[in-house]
């Protein structure tokens, strides 16, 4: 799932990233900045759900889910920033 999102986002972002200009740098910087907060929220949610036994995941499953969410958050935030700027 995350690789599909990555592919579609890179397809959309390629014209902006092709021109190595200031706009590309702003898109990358702000996209990473906003995705940091999304990743923080993901971690807080998963820690809360695991602490209160709402969900039961093994460590490997949790790492797979968090990795996928991290990849998707980074690239989707870049697409959103590219649409705004």
N, C-alpha and C. Protein backbone atom coordinates (compact mmCIF):
# COMPACT_ATOMS: atom_id res chain seq x y z
N UNK A 1 0.82 -1.19 0.00
CA UNK A 1 0.00 0.00 0.00
C UNK A 1 0.87 1.26 0.00
N UNK A 2 1.88 1.25 0.85
CA UNK A 2 2.71 2.46 0.93
C UNK A 2 3.52 2.69 -0.35
N UNK A 3 3.93 1.61 -1.00
CA UNK A 3 4.67 1.78 -2.26
C UNK A 3 3.77 2.32 -3.37
N UNK A 4 2.50 1.96 -3.33
CA UNK A 4 1.55 2.50 -4.30
C UNK A 4 1.38 4.00 -4.09
N UNK A 5 1.21 4.41 -2.84
CA UNK A 5 1.08 5.83 -2.53
C UNK A 5 2.36 6.56 -2.92
N UNK A 6 3.51 5.98 -2.62
CA UNK A 6 4.79 6.58 -2.99
C UNK A 6 4.88 6.78 -4.50
N UNK A 7 4.49 5.78 -5.27
CA UNK A 7 4.57 5.87 -6.74
C UNK A 7 3.67 6.97 -7.28
N UNK A 8 2.42 7.02 -6.81
CA UNK A 8 1.51 8.05 -7.30
C UNK A 8 1.96 9.45 -6.88
N UNK A 9 2.47 9.57 -5.67
CA UNK A 9 2.95 10.88 -5.22
C UNK A 9 4.17 11.33 -6.01
N UNK A 10 5.10 10.42 -6.26
CA UNK A 10 6.28 10.79 -7.04
C UNK A 10 5.91 11.14 -8.48
N UNK A 11 4.90 10.45 -9.03
CA UNK A 11 4.43 10.80 -10.37
C UNK A 11 3.88 12.22 -10.38
N UNK A 12 3.16 12.59 -9.35
CA UNK A 12 2.61 13.94 -9.27
C UNK A 12 3.70 14.97 -9.01
N UNK A 13 4.68 14.63 -8.20
CA UNK A 13 5.71 15.59 -7.79
C UNK A 13 6.88 15.70 -8.76
N UNK A 14 6.99 14.78 -9.71
CA UNK A 14 8.15 14.78 -10.61
C UNK A 14 8.34 16.11 -11.35
N UNK A 15 7.30 16.74 -11.90
CA UNK A 15 7.54 18.02 -12.60
C UNK A 15 8.11 19.10 -11.68
N UNK A 16 7.69 19.11 -10.41
CA UNK A 16 8.23 20.11 -9.48
C UNK A 16 9.66 19.76 -9.08
N UNK A 17 9.95 18.49 -8.88
CA UNK A 17 11.28 18.09 -8.43
C UNK A 17 12.30 18.09 -9.57
N UNK A 18 11.80 18.06 -10.81
CA UNK A 18 12.70 18.06 -11.97
C UNK A 18 13.45 19.38 -12.07
N UNK A 19 12.78 20.49 -11.71
CA UNK A 19 13.41 21.80 -11.80
C UNK A 19 14.08 22.12 -10.48
N UNK A 20 15.25 21.91 -10.26
CA UNK A 20 15.91 22.10 -8.96
C UNK A 20 15.91 23.58 -8.57
N UNK A 21 14.77 24.08 -8.13
CA UNK A 21 14.66 25.49 -7.76
C UNK A 21 14.23 25.63 -6.30
N UNK A 22 13.95 26.87 -5.93
CA UNK A 22 13.59 27.16 -4.54
C UNK A 22 12.25 26.54 -4.16
N UNK A 23 11.33 26.46 -5.10
CA UNK A 23 10.01 25.87 -4.82
C UNK A 23 10.15 24.40 -4.41
N UNK A 24 11.02 23.67 -5.09
CA UNK A 24 11.25 22.27 -4.75
C UNK A 24 11.79 22.13 -3.33
N UNK A 25 12.70 23.01 -2.96
CA UNK A 25 13.26 22.95 -1.61
C UNK A 25 12.20 23.26 -0.56
N UNK A 26 11.34 24.23 -0.85
CA UNK A 26 10.27 24.57 0.09
C UNK A 26 9.29 23.41 0.24
N UNK A 27 8.96 22.76 -0.88
CA UNK A 27 8.05 21.61 -0.83
C UNK A 27 8.65 20.50 0.03
N UNK A 28 9.91 20.20 -0.16
CA UNK A 28 10.55 19.14 0.63
C UNK A 28 10.63 19.50 2.11
N UNK A 29 11.07 20.73 2.39
CA UNK A 29 11.23 21.14 3.79
C UNK A 29 9.89 21.15 4.53
N UNK A 30 8.90 21.78 3.94
CA UNK A 30 7.60 21.86 4.62
C UNK A 30 6.90 20.50 4.66
N UNK A 31 7.07 19.70 3.63
CA UNK A 31 6.48 18.36 3.64
C UNK A 31 7.04 17.50 4.75
N UNK A 32 8.35 17.52 4.93
CA UNK A 32 8.98 16.76 6.01
C UNK A 32 8.58 17.33 7.36
N UNK A 33 8.50 18.64 7.46
CA UNK A 33 8.13 19.28 8.72
C UNK A 33 6.72 18.86 9.15
N UNK A 34 5.76 18.92 8.23
CA UNK A 34 4.39 18.54 8.57
C UNK A 34 4.26 17.05 8.82
N UNK A 35 4.99 16.25 8.09
CA UNK A 35 4.89 14.80 8.30
C UNK A 35 5.48 14.39 9.64
N UNK A 36 6.42 15.17 10.17
CA UNK A 36 6.96 14.88 11.50
C UNK A 36 5.85 14.85 12.53
N UNK A 37 4.94 15.82 12.46
CA UNK A 37 3.85 15.87 13.43
C UNK A 37 2.86 14.73 13.21
N UNK A 38 2.62 14.36 11.97
CA UNK A 38 1.74 13.23 11.70
C UNK A 38 2.34 11.94 12.26
N UNK A 39 3.63 11.76 12.09
CA UNK A 39 4.31 10.57 12.61
C UNK A 39 4.26 10.55 14.14
N UNK A 40 4.42 11.70 14.75
CA UNK A 40 4.32 11.80 16.21
C UNK A 40 2.92 11.39 16.68
N UNK A 41 1.89 11.85 15.98
CA UNK A 41 0.51 11.49 16.32
C UNK A 41 0.30 9.99 16.14
N UNK A 42 0.84 9.40 15.07
CA UNK A 42 0.72 7.95 14.88
C UNK A 42 1.31 7.19 16.06
N UNK A 43 2.48 7.62 16.50
CA UNK A 43 3.13 6.93 17.62
C UNK A 43 2.32 7.06 18.90
N UNK A 44 1.80 8.24 19.17
CA UNK A 44 0.99 8.43 20.38
C UNK A 44 -0.26 7.57 20.32
N UNK A 45 -0.92 7.52 19.18
CA UNK A 45 -2.13 6.71 19.04
C UNK A 45 -1.82 5.23 19.25
N UNK A 46 -0.77 4.74 18.61
CA UNK A 46 -0.44 3.32 18.76
C UNK A 46 0.01 2.98 20.18
N UNK A 47 0.77 3.88 20.82
CA UNK A 47 1.16 3.61 22.20
C UNK A 47 -0.06 3.54 23.12
N UNK A 48 -1.01 4.44 22.90
CA UNK A 48 -2.23 4.44 23.72
C UNK A 48 -3.05 3.18 23.48
N UNK A 49 -3.24 2.82 22.22
CA UNK A 49 -4.03 1.63 21.91
C UNK A 49 -3.38 0.36 22.44
N UNK A 50 -2.08 0.28 22.36
CA UNK A 50 -1.38 -0.90 22.87
C UNK A 50 -1.37 -0.95 24.40
N UNK A 51 -1.24 0.22 25.02
CA UNK A 51 -1.20 0.27 26.48
C UNK A 51 -2.51 -0.22 27.10
N UNK A 52 -3.63 0.16 26.49
CA UNK A 52 -4.94 -0.21 27.04
C UNK A 52 -5.51 -1.47 26.40
N UNK A 53 -4.68 -2.22 25.71
CA UNK A 53 -5.06 -3.50 25.08
C UNK A 53 -6.27 -3.38 24.17
N UNK A 54 -6.37 -2.28 23.46
CA UNK A 54 -7.44 -2.13 22.47
C UNK A 54 -7.12 -2.94 21.23
N UNK A 55 -5.84 -2.95 20.85
CA UNK A 55 -5.39 -3.77 19.73
C UNK A 55 -4.26 -4.67 20.21
N UNK A 56 -4.11 -5.77 19.55
CA UNK A 56 -3.05 -6.72 19.90
C UNK A 56 -2.19 -6.94 18.66
N UNK A 57 -1.00 -6.37 18.68
CA UNK A 57 -0.07 -6.50 17.57
C UNK A 57 1.28 -7.00 18.08
N UNK A 58 1.92 -7.79 17.25
CA UNK A 58 3.29 -8.17 17.57
C UNK A 58 4.20 -7.00 17.22
N UNK A 59 5.42 -7.05 17.70
CA UNK A 59 6.37 -5.97 17.42
C UNK A 59 6.63 -5.84 15.92
N UNK A 60 6.72 -6.96 15.24
CA UNK A 60 6.98 -6.93 13.79
C UNK A 60 5.81 -6.30 13.04
N UNK A 61 4.58 -6.67 13.42
CA UNK A 61 3.41 -6.08 12.77
C UNK A 61 3.33 -4.58 13.02
N UNK A 62 3.62 -4.17 14.24
CA UNK A 62 3.59 -2.76 14.58
C UNK A 62 4.63 -1.98 13.78
N UNK A 63 5.83 -2.53 13.65
CA UNK A 63 6.86 -1.86 12.85
C UNK A 63 6.46 -1.76 11.38
N UNK A 64 5.84 -2.79 10.85
CA UNK A 64 5.37 -2.75 9.46
C UNK A 64 4.32 -1.67 9.27
N UNK A 65 3.37 -1.58 10.19
CA UNK A 65 2.32 -0.57 10.08
C UNK A 65 2.91 0.83 10.21
N UNK A 66 3.78 1.04 11.19
CA UNK A 66 4.37 2.37 11.38
C UNK A 66 5.26 2.77 10.21
N UNK A 67 5.98 1.83 9.63
CA UNK A 67 6.80 2.14 8.46
C UNK A 67 5.93 2.55 7.28
N UNK A 68 4.86 1.83 7.05
CA UNK A 68 3.95 2.17 5.96
C UNK A 68 3.32 3.54 6.18
N UNK A 69 2.87 3.80 7.40
CA UNK A 69 2.26 5.10 7.70
C UNK A 69 3.27 6.23 7.56
N UNK A 70 4.51 5.99 7.93
CA UNK A 70 5.55 7.01 7.81
C UNK A 70 5.81 7.35 6.34
N UNK A 71 5.95 6.33 5.51
CA UNK A 71 6.19 6.56 4.08
C UNK A 71 5.02 7.33 3.47
N UNK A 72 3.81 6.90 3.79
CA UNK A 72 2.63 7.57 3.23
C UNK A 72 2.51 9.00 3.74
N UNK A 73 2.79 9.24 5.02
CA UNK A 73 2.67 10.59 5.58
C UNK A 73 3.65 11.55 4.93
N UNK A 74 4.87 11.11 4.71
CA UNK A 74 5.88 11.99 4.11
C UNK A 74 5.48 12.41 2.70
N UNK A 75 5.10 11.46 1.88
CA UNK A 75 4.82 11.79 0.48
C UNK A 75 3.47 12.47 0.30
N UNK A 76 2.48 12.10 1.08
CA UNK A 76 1.19 12.79 0.97
C UNK A 76 1.32 14.23 1.45
N UNK A 77 2.11 14.47 2.49
CA UNK A 77 2.30 15.85 2.94
C UNK A 77 3.04 16.67 1.89
N UNK A 78 3.97 16.05 1.16
CA UNK A 78 4.64 16.78 0.07
C UNK A 78 3.66 17.13 -1.04
N UNK A 79 2.75 16.24 -1.36
CA UNK A 79 1.75 16.53 -2.39
C UNK A 79 0.85 17.67 -1.94
N UNK A 80 0.43 17.65 -0.69
CA UNK A 80 -0.44 18.71 -0.18
C UNK A 80 0.29 20.05 -0.20
N UNK A 81 1.55 20.06 0.21
CA UNK A 81 2.33 21.30 0.19
C UNK A 81 2.53 21.77 -1.25
N UNK A 82 2.75 20.86 -2.18
CA UNK A 82 2.92 21.25 -3.59
C UNK A 82 1.64 21.86 -4.15
N UNK A 83 0.49 21.36 -3.72
CA UNK A 83 -0.77 21.94 -4.19
C UNK A 83 -0.98 23.34 -3.62
N UNK A 84 -0.50 23.57 -2.38
CA UNK A 84 -0.68 24.89 -1.75
C UNK A 84 0.28 25.91 -2.35
N UNK A 85 1.55 25.54 -2.55
CA UNK A 85 2.55 26.48 -3.06
C UNK A 85 2.65 26.35 -4.53
